Amino acid sequence: MSGIVFRRFHDGVGELAVRRLDPDADAEIVHAWVTHPKAVFWMMGDADVAGVAEEYRRIVAHPHRDAYLGLVDGRPAFLAERYDPARVELAGLHDARDGDVGMHFLCAPTGSPVHGFSRAVITTVLETLFADPAVRRVVVEPDVRNTAVHALNAAVGFEVVGVIAKPEKEALLSVCTRERFHAATGDATASAAAVAAGVRGEHP
């Protein structure tokens, strides 16, 4: 399966690529990830494969949401979601601006962790989003208890706005501008290359 929208090389990790998620073809592998105990904050622990496929069919069909599968050296390794925070997830809960895009990401569980892998993944996801010139800020709302992802977000340039109450959780609203991202990652972005098909303008 092709459909690559972004790729970059990361020393120590390999080639990271992002393609659009196929809800049916990818359902089994995504199910294994989102139901794993390490994905507790994804809140899909009780889902079956059919339920995961149905959820992602809804996401990719939505006018203001999308989902992507990430590959490392051609093998599925992470999941990412993009959404318009002014219309879904955070509608009415944050000071929405033109150029805002919301993001979720999940690394595949592994028994053999690679040093720096999670940071390489979040950097790749942000580069994918910022490859769209219309995107000015990335907005995230992880669970307040997810301290590991808070530290990771801070490392790539996210700034905490504050705690917000969502129906399903207390969330730490944070934003990352294009400028803060590049300042935080420095030369880490130098080897990235957007594929012409890209992610531009399809789901603002």
N, C-alpha and C. Protein backbone atom coordinates (compact mmCIF):
# COMPACT_ATOMS: atom_id res chain seq x y z
N MET A 1 0.86 -1.20 0.00
CA MET A 1 0.00 0.00 0.00
C MET A 1 0.89 1.24 0.00
N SER A 2 0.59 2.22 -0.86
CA SER A 2 1.40 3.42 -0.96
C SER A 2 0.65 4.58 -0.30
N GLY A 3 0.51 5.69 -1.02
CA GLY A 3 -0.19 6.84 -0.47
C GLY A 3 0.61 7.61 0.55
N ILE A 4 1.95 7.54 0.47
CA ILE A 4 2.81 8.27 1.41
C ILE A 4 2.60 9.78 1.22
N VAL A 5 2.38 10.49 2.30
CA VAL A 5 2.21 11.94 2.23
C VAL A 5 3.42 12.69 2.79
N PHE A 6 4.27 11.98 3.54
CA PHE A 6 5.44 12.65 4.13
C PHE A 6 6.47 11.60 4.49
N ARG A 7 7.75 11.96 4.35
CA ARG A 7 8.79 11.05 4.80
C ARG A 7 10.01 11.85 5.26
N ARG A 8 10.78 11.27 6.19
CA ARG A 8 12.01 11.90 6.66
C ARG A 8 12.91 10.79 7.18
N PHE A 9 14.20 11.10 7.29
CA PHE A 9 15.14 10.15 7.85
C PHE A 9 15.63 10.65 9.20
N HIS A 10 15.69 9.75 10.17
CA HIS A 10 16.15 10.10 11.50
C HIS A 10 17.29 9.17 11.88
N ASP A 11 18.46 9.73 12.14
CA ASP A 11 19.60 8.93 12.56
C ASP A 11 19.26 8.14 13.82
N GLY A 12 19.54 6.86 13.81
CA GLY A 12 19.28 6.02 14.96
C GLY A 12 17.91 5.36 14.95
N VAL A 13 17.00 5.86 14.12
CA VAL A 13 15.65 5.27 14.03
C VAL A 13 15.42 4.70 12.63
N GLY A 14 15.74 5.48 11.60
CA GLY A 14 15.55 5.03 10.23
C GLY A 14 14.64 5.96 9.46
N GLU A 15 14.08 5.47 8.36
CA GLU A 15 13.17 6.28 7.56
C GLU A 15 11.77 6.22 8.15
N LEU A 16 11.24 7.37 8.51
CA LEU A 16 9.87 7.49 9.00
C LEU A 16 9.02 8.05 7.88
N ALA A 17 7.90 7.41 7.64
CA ALA A 17 6.98 7.85 6.59
C ALA A 17 5.56 7.85 7.13
N VAL A 18 4.72 8.66 6.54
CA VAL A 18 3.33 8.81 6.97
C VAL A 18 2.44 8.61 5.75
N ARG A 19 1.44 7.75 5.90
CA ARG A 19 0.45 7.57 4.83
C ARG A 19 -0.95 7.64 5.43
N ARG A 20 -1.93 7.85 4.58
CA ARG A 20 -3.31 7.87 5.06
C ARG A 20 -3.71 6.48 5.54
N LEU A 21 -4.45 6.46 6.63
CA LEU A 21 -4.89 5.21 7.20
C LEU A 21 -6.05 4.62 6.41
N ASP A 22 -6.00 3.31 6.18
CA ASP A 22 -7.10 2.58 5.55
C ASP A 22 -7.85 1.88 6.68
N PRO A 23 -9.06 2.33 7.04
CA PRO A 23 -9.75 1.80 8.22
C PRO A 23 -9.95 0.29 8.20
N ASP A 24 -10.16 -0.28 7.05
CA ASP A 24 -10.40 -1.72 6.98
C ASP A 24 -9.09 -2.51 6.91
N ALA A 25 -8.21 -2.12 5.99
CA ALA A 25 -6.96 -2.86 5.84
C ALA A 25 -6.06 -2.74 7.07
N ASP A 26 -6.14 -1.61 7.78
CA ASP A 26 -5.25 -1.37 8.92
C ASP A 26 -5.89 -1.70 10.26
N ALA A 27 -7.14 -2.16 10.26
CA ALA A 27 -7.89 -2.31 11.51
C ALA A 27 -7.22 -3.26 12.50
N GLU A 28 -6.71 -4.39 12.02
CA GLU A 28 -6.15 -5.37 12.96
C GLU A 28 -4.92 -4.83 13.66
N ILE A 29 -4.02 -4.22 12.93
CA ILE A 29 -2.81 -3.72 13.58
C ILE A 29 -3.12 -2.54 14.49
N VAL A 30 -4.01 -1.64 14.06
CA VAL A 30 -4.38 -0.52 14.92
C VAL A 30 -5.10 -1.02 16.16
N HIS A 31 -5.94 -2.03 16.02
CA HIS A 31 -6.62 -2.61 17.18
C HIS A 31 -5.60 -3.11 18.20
N ALA A 32 -4.55 -3.78 17.75
CA ALA A 32 -3.53 -4.28 18.68
C ALA A 32 -2.85 -3.14 19.44
N TRP A 33 -2.71 -2.01 18.79
CA TRP A 33 -2.06 -0.87 19.44
C TRP A 33 -2.99 -0.18 20.44
N VAL A 34 -4.22 0.14 20.01
CA VAL A 34 -5.09 0.96 20.85
C VAL A 34 -5.68 0.19 22.03
N THR A 35 -5.64 -1.14 21.98
CA THR A 35 -6.16 -1.93 23.09
C THR A 35 -5.05 -2.41 24.02
N HIS A 36 -3.81 -2.09 23.71
CA HIS A 36 -2.68 -2.49 24.56
C HIS A 36 -2.73 -1.69 25.87
N PRO A 37 -2.33 -2.31 26.99
CA PRO A 37 -2.34 -1.57 28.28
C PRO A 37 -1.56 -0.26 28.24
N LYS A 38 -0.51 -0.17 27.44
CA LYS A 38 0.26 1.07 27.37
C LYS A 38 -0.50 2.19 26.67
N ALA A 39 -1.61 1.84 26.01
CA ALA A 39 -2.41 2.85 25.31
C ALA A 39 -3.65 3.22 26.12
N VAL A 40 -3.56 3.14 27.44
CA VAL A 40 -4.73 3.36 28.29
C VAL A 40 -5.37 4.73 28.04
N PHE A 41 -4.56 5.74 27.74
CA PHE A 41 -5.12 7.07 27.53
C PHE A 41 -5.82 7.21 26.19
N TRP A 42 -5.72 6.21 25.32
CA TRP A 42 -6.44 6.21 24.05
C TRP A 42 -7.91 5.85 24.26
N MET A 43 -8.22 5.24 25.40
CA MET A 43 -9.59 4.93 25.83
C MET A 43 -10.34 4.02 24.86
N MET A 44 -9.63 3.04 24.27
CA MET A 44 -10.27 2.08 23.39
C MET A 44 -9.95 0.65 23.81
N GLY A 45 -9.64 0.47 25.09
CA GLY A 45 -9.19 -0.82 25.58
C GLY A 45 -10.17 -1.96 25.40
N ASP A 46 -11.45 -1.67 25.35
CA ASP A 46 -12.47 -2.72 25.22
C ASP A 46 -12.95 -2.91 23.78
N ALA A 47 -12.38 -2.18 22.85
CA ALA A 47 -12.86 -2.26 21.46
C ALA A 47 -12.43 -3.57 20.80
N ASP A 48 -13.27 -4.08 19.89
CA ASP A 48 -12.86 -5.21 19.07
C ASP A 48 -12.40 -4.68 17.71
N VAL A 49 -11.93 -5.57 16.84
CA VAL A 49 -11.39 -5.13 15.55
C VAL A 49 -12.46 -4.42 14.73
N ALA A 50 -13.68 -4.95 14.73
CA ALA A 50 -14.75 -4.32 13.97
C ALA A 50 -15.05 -2.92 14.49
N GLY A 51 -15.00 -2.76 15.81
CA GLY A 51 -15.26 -1.46 16.40
C GLY A 51 -14.18 -0.45 16.04
N VAL A 52 -12.93 -0.89 16.00
CA VAL A 52 -11.83 -0.01 15.60
C VAL A 52 -11.99 0.41 14.15
N ALA A 53 -12.33 -0.56 13.28
CA ALA A 53 -12.54 -0.23 11.86
C ALA A 53 -13.67 0.78 11.70
N GLU A 54 -14.75 0.58 12.45
CA GLU A 54 -15.89 1.49 12.35
C GLU A 54 -15.52 2.89 12.82
N GLU A 55 -14.79 2.99 13.93
CA GLU A 55 -14.37 4.29 14.45
C GLU A 55 -13.51 5.04 13.43
N TYR A 56 -12.57 4.33 12.81
CA TYR A 56 -11.70 5.01 11.87
C TYR A 56 -12.36 5.27 10.53
N ARG A 57 -13.36 4.50 10.18
CA ARG A 57 -14.16 4.87 9.00
C ARG A 57 -14.85 6.21 9.24
N ARG A 58 -15.37 6.40 10.46
CA ARG A 58 -16.01 7.68 10.80
C ARG A 58 -15.00 8.82 10.73
N ILE A 59 -13.80 8.58 11.25
CA ILE A 59 -12.79 9.64 11.29
C ILE A 59 -12.38 10.05 9.88
N VAL A 60 -12.06 9.08 9.02
CA VAL A 60 -11.56 9.46 7.69
C VAL A 60 -12.66 10.02 6.80
N ALA A 61 -13.92 9.72 7.13
CA ALA A 61 -15.03 10.27 6.35
C ALA A 61 -15.46 11.65 6.84
N HIS A 62 -14.97 12.05 8.01
CA HIS A 62 -15.38 13.32 8.61
C HIS A 62 -14.74 14.50 7.87
N PRO A 63 -15.48 15.59 7.65
CA PRO A 63 -14.91 16.72 6.91
C PRO A 63 -13.82 17.46 7.67
N HIS A 64 -13.72 17.25 9.00
CA HIS A 64 -12.75 18.02 9.79
C HIS A 64 -11.83 17.12 10.61
N ARG A 65 -11.70 15.87 10.18
CA ARG A 65 -10.80 14.94 10.86
C ARG A 65 -10.09 14.07 9.81
N ASP A 66 -8.98 13.47 10.20
CA ASP A 66 -8.30 12.53 9.33
C ASP A 66 -7.38 11.66 10.19
N ALA A 67 -6.94 10.54 9.62
CA ALA A 67 -6.07 9.62 10.36
C ALA A 67 -4.97 9.12 9.44
N TYR A 68 -3.81 8.85 10.05
CA TYR A 68 -2.63 8.44 9.32
C TYR A 68 -1.95 7.28 10.02
N LEU A 69 -1.31 6.42 9.22
CA LEU A 69 -0.48 5.36 9.76
C LEU A 69 0.97 5.73 9.50
N GLY A 70 1.80 5.61 10.53
CA GLY A 70 3.22 5.91 10.39
C GLY A 70 4.03 4.64 10.22
N LEU A 71 5.05 4.72 9.39
CA LEU A 71 5.92 3.58 9.10
C LEU A 71 7.36 3.92 9.47
N VAL A 72 8.08 2.93 9.95
CA VAL A 72 9.53 3.06 10.14
C VAL A 72 10.19 1.99 9.29
N ASP A 73 10.98 2.42 8.34
CA ASP A 73 11.60 1.50 7.37
C ASP A 73 10.56 0.57 6.75
N GLY A 74 9.39 1.13 6.46
CA GLY A 74 8.33 0.40 5.78
C GLY A 74 7.41 -0.41 6.66
N ARG A 75 7.68 -0.48 7.96
CA ARG A 75 6.86 -1.28 8.86
C ARG A 75 5.95 -0.37 9.70
N PRO A 76 4.68 -0.72 9.87
CA PRO A 76 3.78 0.10 10.69
C PRO A 76 4.33 0.28 12.10
N ALA A 77 4.34 1.54 12.58
CA ALA A 77 4.97 1.82 13.85
C ALA A 77 4.28 2.90 14.68
N PHE A 78 3.40 3.70 14.07
CA PHE A 78 2.70 4.71 14.88
C PHE A 78 1.43 5.15 14.16
N LEU A 79 0.59 5.78 14.95
CA LEU A 79 -0.72 6.25 14.50
C LEU A 79 -0.82 7.74 14.77
N ALA A 80 -1.46 8.47 13.88
CA ALA A 80 -1.65 9.91 14.09
C ALA A 80 -3.04 10.32 13.61
N GLU A 81 -3.59 11.29 14.29
CA GLU A 81 -4.88 11.86 13.89
C GLU A 81 -4.74 13.38 13.79
N ARG A 82 -5.44 13.94 12.83
CA ARG A 82 -5.49 15.38 12.61
C ARG A 82 -6.94 15.82 12.71
N TYR A 83 -7.20 16.98 13.33
CA TYR A 83 -8.58 17.47 13.40
C TYR A 83 -8.58 18.99 13.48
N ASP A 84 -9.73 19.56 13.21
CA ASP A 84 -9.92 21.01 13.31
C ASP A 84 -10.44 21.32 14.71
N PRO A 85 -9.61 21.89 15.58
CA PRO A 85 -10.02 22.09 16.97
C PRO A 85 -11.13 23.11 17.16
N ALA A 86 -11.40 23.91 16.15
CA ALA A 86 -12.49 24.87 16.24
C ALA A 86 -13.85 24.21 16.02
N ARG A 87 -13.82 22.99 15.43
CA ARG A 87 -15.08 22.33 15.08
C ARG A 87 -15.30 21.01 15.80
N VAL A 88 -14.24 20.30 16.15
CA VAL A 88 -14.37 19.03 16.86
C VAL A 88 -13.34 18.99 17.99
N GLU A 89 -13.59 18.15 18.97
CA GLU A 89 -12.69 17.92 20.10
C GLU A 89 -12.60 19.12 21.05
N LEU A 90 -12.31 20.30 20.52
CA LEU A 90 -12.06 21.46 21.38
C LEU A 90 -12.97 22.64 21.07
N ALA A 91 -14.02 22.40 20.32
CA ALA A 91 -14.95 23.49 19.98
C ALA A 91 -15.48 24.14 21.25
N GLY A 92 -15.24 25.44 21.39
CA GLY A 92 -15.70 26.18 22.55
C GLY A 92 -14.82 26.04 23.78
N LEU A 93 -13.74 25.27 23.68
CA LEU A 93 -12.89 25.01 24.84
C LEU A 93 -11.52 25.68 24.75
N HIS A 94 -11.23 26.29 23.61
CA HIS A 94 -9.95 27.00 23.52
C HIS A 94 -10.11 28.18 22.57
N ASP A 95 -9.15 29.08 22.63
CA ASP A 95 -9.17 30.30 21.83
C ASP A 95 -8.69 29.95 20.41
N ALA A 96 -9.62 29.51 19.59
CA ALA A 96 -9.27 29.05 18.26
C ALA A 96 -8.77 30.20 17.39
N ARG A 97 -7.75 29.91 16.59
CA ARG A 97 -7.20 30.89 15.66
C ARG A 97 -7.11 30.27 14.27
N ASP A 98 -7.09 31.15 13.27
CA ASP A 98 -6.85 30.66 11.91
C ASP A 98 -5.51 29.95 11.88
N GLY A 99 -5.47 28.80 11.23
CA GLY A 99 -4.22 28.06 11.13
C GLY A 99 -3.99 27.05 12.23
N ASP A 100 -4.96 26.88 13.14
CA ASP A 100 -4.85 25.87 14.19
C ASP A 100 -5.19 24.49 13.63
N VAL A 101 -4.47 23.48 14.07
CA VAL A 101 -4.81 22.10 13.75
C VAL A 101 -4.57 21.26 15.00
N GLY A 102 -5.50 20.35 15.28
CA GLY A 102 -5.37 19.47 16.43
C GLY A 102 -4.68 18.17 16.04
N MET A 103 -4.04 17.53 17.03
CA MET A 103 -3.26 16.33 16.75
C MET A 103 -3.34 15.34 17.91
N HIS A 104 -3.44 14.05 17.55
CA HIS A 104 -3.23 12.94 18.47
C HIS A 104 -2.17 12.03 17.85
N PHE A 105 -1.36 11.37 18.68
CA PHE A 105 -0.45 10.37 18.12
C PHE A 105 -0.25 9.25 19.11
N LEU A 106 0.09 8.08 18.60
CA LEU A 106 0.30 6.89 19.42
C LEU A 106 1.41 6.06 18.81
N CYS A 107 2.43 5.73 19.61
CA CYS A 107 3.48 4.82 19.17
C CYS A 107 3.05 3.38 19.40
N ALA A 108 3.41 2.51 18.49
CA ALA A 108 3.10 1.09 18.66
C ALA A 108 3.82 0.54 19.88
N PRO A 109 3.17 -0.29 20.68
CA PRO A 109 3.85 -0.91 21.83
C PRO A 109 4.96 -1.84 21.35
N THR A 110 6.02 -1.91 22.13
CA THR A 110 7.14 -2.77 21.76
C THR A 110 7.85 -3.27 23.01
N GLY A 111 8.39 -4.45 22.91
CA GLY A 111 9.19 -5.00 24.00
C GLY A 111 10.65 -4.62 23.89
N SER A 112 11.01 -3.95 22.77
CA SER A 112 12.41 -3.55 22.54
C SER A 112 12.46 -2.08 22.17
N PRO A 113 12.27 -1.19 23.16
CA PRO A 113 12.23 0.24 22.85
C PRO A 113 13.55 0.75 22.28
N VAL A 114 13.43 1.69 21.34
CA VAL A 114 14.58 2.34 20.72
C VAL A 114 14.72 3.73 21.32
N HIS A 115 15.90 4.05 21.81
CA HIS A 115 16.13 5.37 22.42
C HIS A 115 15.80 6.48 21.43
N GLY A 116 15.00 7.43 21.86
CA GLY A 116 14.65 8.57 21.02
C GLY A 116 13.52 8.32 20.05
N PHE A 117 12.92 7.13 20.11
CA PHE A 117 11.90 6.79 19.12
C PHE A 117 10.67 7.69 19.24
N SER A 118 10.14 7.84 20.45
CA SER A 118 8.92 8.65 20.62
C SER A 118 9.14 10.08 20.16
N ARG A 119 10.31 10.63 20.45
CA ARG A 119 10.58 12.00 20.01
C ARG A 119 10.70 12.07 18.49
N ALA A 120 11.29 11.04 17.88
CA ALA A 120 11.35 11.01 16.42
C ALA A 120 9.96 10.95 15.82
N VAL A 121 9.06 10.20 16.46
CA VAL A 121 7.69 10.08 15.95
C VAL A 121 6.95 11.41 16.06
N ILE A 122 6.96 12.02 17.23
CA ILE A 122 6.21 13.28 17.38
C ILE A 122 6.79 14.37 16.47
N THR A 123 8.11 14.36 16.29
CA THR A 123 8.72 15.32 15.38
C THR A 123 8.23 15.10 13.96
N THR A 124 8.15 13.84 13.55
CA THR A 124 7.67 13.52 12.21
C THR A 124 6.21 13.92 12.03
N VAL A 125 5.38 13.66 13.05
CA VAL A 125 3.97 14.03 12.96
C VAL A 125 3.83 15.55 12.83
N LEU A 126 4.59 16.30 13.63
CA LEU A 126 4.51 17.76 13.54
C LEU A 126 5.04 18.26 12.20
N GLU A 127 6.10 17.66 11.70
CA GLU A 127 6.59 18.07 10.39
C GLU A 127 5.55 17.81 9.31
N THR A 128 4.85 16.69 9.43
CA THR A 128 3.79 16.38 8.48
C THR A 128 2.72 17.47 8.50
N LEU A 129 2.32 17.89 9.69
CA LEU A 129 1.28 18.91 9.81
C LEU A 129 1.79 20.27 9.33
N PHE A 130 3.00 20.64 9.71
CA PHE A 130 3.54 21.93 9.31
C PHE A 130 3.95 21.97 7.84
N ALA A 131 3.96 20.82 7.17
CA ALA A 131 4.20 20.82 5.72
C ALA A 131 3.07 21.52 4.98
N ASP A 132 1.91 21.63 5.62
CA ASP A 132 0.80 22.41 5.09
C ASP A 132 1.05 23.87 5.47
N PRO A 133 1.31 24.75 4.52
CA PRO A 133 1.64 26.14 4.86
C PRO A 133 0.51 26.88 5.56
N ALA A 134 -0.71 26.37 5.49
CA ALA A 134 -1.82 27.02 6.18
C ALA A 134 -1.80 26.77 7.68
N VAL A 135 -1.04 25.76 8.13
CA VAL A 135 -0.99 25.43 9.55
C VAL A 135 -0.01 26.35 10.27
N ARG A 136 -0.49 27.03 11.29
CA ARG A 136 0.35 27.94 12.07
C ARG A 136 0.63 27.43 13.47
N ARG A 137 -0.37 26.72 14.05
CA ARG A 137 -0.18 26.16 15.40
C ARG A 137 -0.76 24.75 15.44
N VAL A 138 -0.12 23.88 16.23
CA VAL A 138 -0.66 22.56 16.51
C VAL A 138 -1.17 22.58 17.95
N VAL A 139 -2.36 22.06 18.14
CA VAL A 139 -3.03 22.07 19.44
C VAL A 139 -3.19 20.63 19.92
N VAL A 140 -2.87 20.38 21.19
CA VAL A 140 -3.04 19.04 21.76
C VAL A 140 -3.77 19.14 23.10
N GLU A 141 -4.41 18.03 23.50
CA GLU A 141 -5.16 18.02 24.76
C GLU A 141 -5.02 16.65 25.43
N PRO A 142 -3.77 16.28 25.80
CA PRO A 142 -3.59 14.98 26.45
C PRO A 142 -4.16 14.98 27.87
N ASP A 143 -4.46 13.80 28.36
CA ASP A 143 -4.93 13.62 29.73
C ASP A 143 -3.92 14.23 30.71
N VAL A 144 -4.41 14.91 31.73
CA VAL A 144 -3.51 15.55 32.69
C VAL A 144 -2.60 14.54 33.38
N ARG A 145 -3.01 13.27 33.43
CA ARG A 145 -2.20 12.24 34.10
C ARG A 145 -1.09 11.69 33.22
N ASN A 146 -1.10 12.04 31.94
CA ASN A 146 -0.13 11.47 31.00
C ASN A 146 1.16 12.28 31.02
N THR A 147 1.89 12.16 32.11
CA THR A 147 3.09 12.99 32.31
C THR A 147 4.17 12.72 31.28
N ALA A 148 4.24 11.48 30.78
CA ALA A 148 5.28 11.16 29.78
C ALA A 148 5.07 11.98 28.52
N VAL A 149 3.83 12.09 28.06
CA VAL A 149 3.59 12.84 26.83
C VAL A 149 3.70 14.35 27.08
N HIS A 150 3.42 14.80 28.30
CA HIS A 150 3.61 16.22 28.60
C HIS A 150 5.08 16.60 28.41
N ALA A 151 5.98 15.75 28.93
CA ALA A 151 7.41 16.03 28.80
C ALA A 151 7.84 15.99 27.34
N LEU A 152 7.30 15.04 26.59
CA LEU A 152 7.63 14.94 25.17
C LEU A 152 7.13 16.16 24.41
N ASN A 153 5.91 16.59 24.71
CA ASN A 153 5.37 17.79 24.06
C ASN A 153 6.25 19.00 24.33
N ALA A 154 6.66 19.16 25.58
CA ALA A 154 7.50 20.31 25.94
C ALA A 154 8.82 20.27 25.17
N ALA A 155 9.36 19.08 24.96
CA ALA A 155 10.66 18.94 24.30
C ALA A 155 10.63 19.37 22.84
N VAL A 156 9.45 19.33 22.21
CA VAL A 156 9.37 19.73 20.80
C VAL A 156 8.71 21.09 20.62
N GLY A 157 8.51 21.83 21.72
CA GLY A 157 8.08 23.22 21.59
C GLY A 157 6.69 23.57 22.05
N PHE A 158 5.94 22.60 22.61
CA PHE A 158 4.59 22.92 23.07
C PHE A 158 4.64 23.78 24.34
N GLU A 159 3.71 24.71 24.42
CA GLU A 159 3.56 25.58 25.57
C GLU A 159 2.20 25.31 26.20
N VAL A 160 2.18 25.10 27.51
CA VAL A 160 0.93 24.79 28.22
C VAL A 160 0.05 26.02 28.30
N VAL A 161 -1.23 25.84 27.91
CA VAL A 161 -2.23 26.90 28.05
C VAL A 161 -2.95 26.76 29.38
N GLY A 162 -3.32 25.53 29.73
CA GLY A 162 -4.00 25.29 31.01
C GLY A 162 -4.80 24.00 30.97
N VAL A 163 -5.40 23.68 32.10
CA VAL A 163 -6.22 22.48 32.22
C VAL A 163 -7.64 22.80 31.77
N ILE A 164 -8.22 21.93 30.96
CA ILE A 164 -9.59 22.10 30.53
C ILE A 164 -10.38 20.83 30.83
N ALA A 165 -11.67 20.97 31.01
CA ALA A 165 -12.54 19.82 31.27
C ALA A 165 -13.22 19.40 29.98
N LYS A 166 -12.89 18.18 29.53
CA LYS A 166 -13.58 17.58 28.39
C LYS A 166 -14.54 16.53 28.93
N PRO A 167 -15.50 16.11 28.14
CA PRO A 167 -16.46 15.11 28.64
C PRO A 167 -15.80 13.83 29.11
N GLU A 168 -14.70 13.43 28.44
CA GLU A 168 -14.09 12.15 28.75
C GLU A 168 -12.87 12.24 29.65
N LYS A 169 -12.36 13.48 29.93
CA LYS A 169 -11.13 13.59 30.71
C LYS A 169 -10.85 15.03 31.10
N GLU A 170 -9.94 15.19 32.08
CA GLU A 170 -9.31 16.48 32.34
C GLU A 170 -8.07 16.53 31.45
N ALA A 171 -7.96 17.57 30.66
CA ALA A 171 -6.90 17.62 29.65
C ALA A 171 -5.99 18.82 29.86
N LEU A 172 -4.72 18.64 29.47
CA LEU A 172 -3.75 19.72 29.53
C LEU A 172 -3.63 20.33 28.14
N LEU A 173 -4.35 21.42 27.93
CA LEU A 173 -4.34 22.09 26.63
C LEU A 173 -2.98 22.74 26.40
N SER A 174 -2.36 22.43 25.27
CA SER A 174 -1.05 22.98 24.93
C SER A 174 -1.00 23.31 23.46
N VAL A 175 -0.18 24.30 23.09
CA VAL A 175 -0.08 24.70 21.69
C VAL A 175 1.39 24.82 21.30
N CYS A 176 1.66 24.60 20.03
CA CYS A 176 3.02 24.71 19.50
C CYS A 176 2.97 25.47 18.18
N THR A 177 3.60 26.61 18.14
CA THR A 177 3.68 27.37 16.90
C THR A 177 4.77 26.77 16.02
N ARG A 178 4.70 27.11 14.76
CA ARG A 178 5.74 26.68 13.82
C ARG A 178 7.12 27.16 14.30
N GLU A 179 7.18 28.40 14.79
CA GLU A 179 8.45 28.97 15.22
C GLU A 179 9.01 28.25 16.45
N ARG A 180 8.14 27.95 17.42
CA ARG A 180 8.60 27.24 18.63
C ARG A 180 9.06 25.83 18.27
N PHE A 181 8.37 25.19 17.34
CA PHE A 181 8.76 23.84 16.93
C PHE A 181 10.15 23.85 16.32
N HIS A 182 10.39 24.76 15.38
CA HIS A 182 11.69 24.79 14.74
C HIS A 182 12.79 25.19 15.73
N ALA A 183 12.48 26.08 16.66
CA ALA A 183 13.49 26.46 17.67
C ALA A 183 13.83 25.28 18.57
N ALA A 184 12.84 24.46 18.91
CA ALA A 184 13.06 23.33 19.81
C ALA A 184 13.76 22.17 19.13
N THR A 185 13.47 21.95 17.85
CA THR A 185 14.02 20.77 17.16
C THR A 185 15.29 21.08 16.39
N GLY A 186 15.56 22.35 16.10
CA GLY A 186 16.79 22.73 15.44
C GLY A 186 17.03 21.99 14.15
N ASP A 187 18.21 21.36 14.04
CA ASP A 187 18.58 20.67 12.81
C ASP A 187 17.84 19.37 12.61
N ALA A 188 17.00 18.98 13.59
CA ALA A 188 16.28 17.70 13.46
C ALA A 188 15.37 17.69 12.24
N THR A 189 14.99 18.87 11.77
CA THR A 189 14.07 18.92 10.63
C THR A 189 14.78 18.96 9.28
N ALA A 190 16.11 19.01 9.31
CA ALA A 190 16.84 19.27 8.08
C ALA A 190 16.68 18.18 7.03
N SER A 191 16.47 16.92 7.47
CA SER A 191 16.41 15.83 6.50
C SER A 191 14.99 15.47 6.10
N ALA A 192 14.01 16.27 6.52
CA ALA A 192 12.62 15.97 6.19
C ALA A 192 12.31 16.36 4.76
N ALA A 193 11.37 15.62 4.15
CA ALA A 193 10.96 15.95 2.78
C ALA A 193 9.50 15.66 2.63
N ALA A 194 8.72 16.67 2.26
CA ALA A 194 7.30 16.47 2.02
C ALA A 194 7.09 15.88 0.64
N VAL A 195 6.19 14.92 0.56
CA VAL A 195 5.81 14.36 -0.72
C VAL A 195 4.78 15.29 -1.36
N ALA A 196 4.81 15.41 -2.66
CA ALA A 196 3.99 16.40 -3.35
C ALA A 196 2.50 16.26 -3.03
N ALA A 197 2.00 15.02 -2.88
CA ALA A 197 0.57 14.84 -2.58
C ALA A 197 0.19 15.53 -1.29
N GLY A 198 1.05 15.41 -0.30
CA GLY A 198 0.97 16.15 0.95
C GLY A 198 -0.32 16.02 1.71
N VAL A 199 -0.49 16.93 2.66
CA VAL A 199 -1.68 16.95 3.49
C VAL A 199 -2.33 18.33 3.38
N ARG A 200 -2.04 19.06 2.33
CA ARG A 200 -2.43 20.46 2.27
C ARG A 200 -3.92 20.66 2.03
N GLY A 201 -4.53 21.39 2.94
CA GLY A 201 -5.83 21.98 2.70
C GLY A 201 -7.00 21.03 2.57
N GLU A 202 -6.83 19.73 2.81
CA GLU A 202 -7.95 18.83 2.58
C GLU A 202 -8.92 18.83 3.76
N HIS A 203 -8.39 18.99 4.95
CA HIS A 203 -9.24 19.05 6.14
C HIS A 203 -8.74 20.21 7.01
N PRO A 204 -9.18 21.41 6.78
CA PRO A 204 -8.66 22.59 7.48
C PRO A 204 -8.88 22.52 8.98
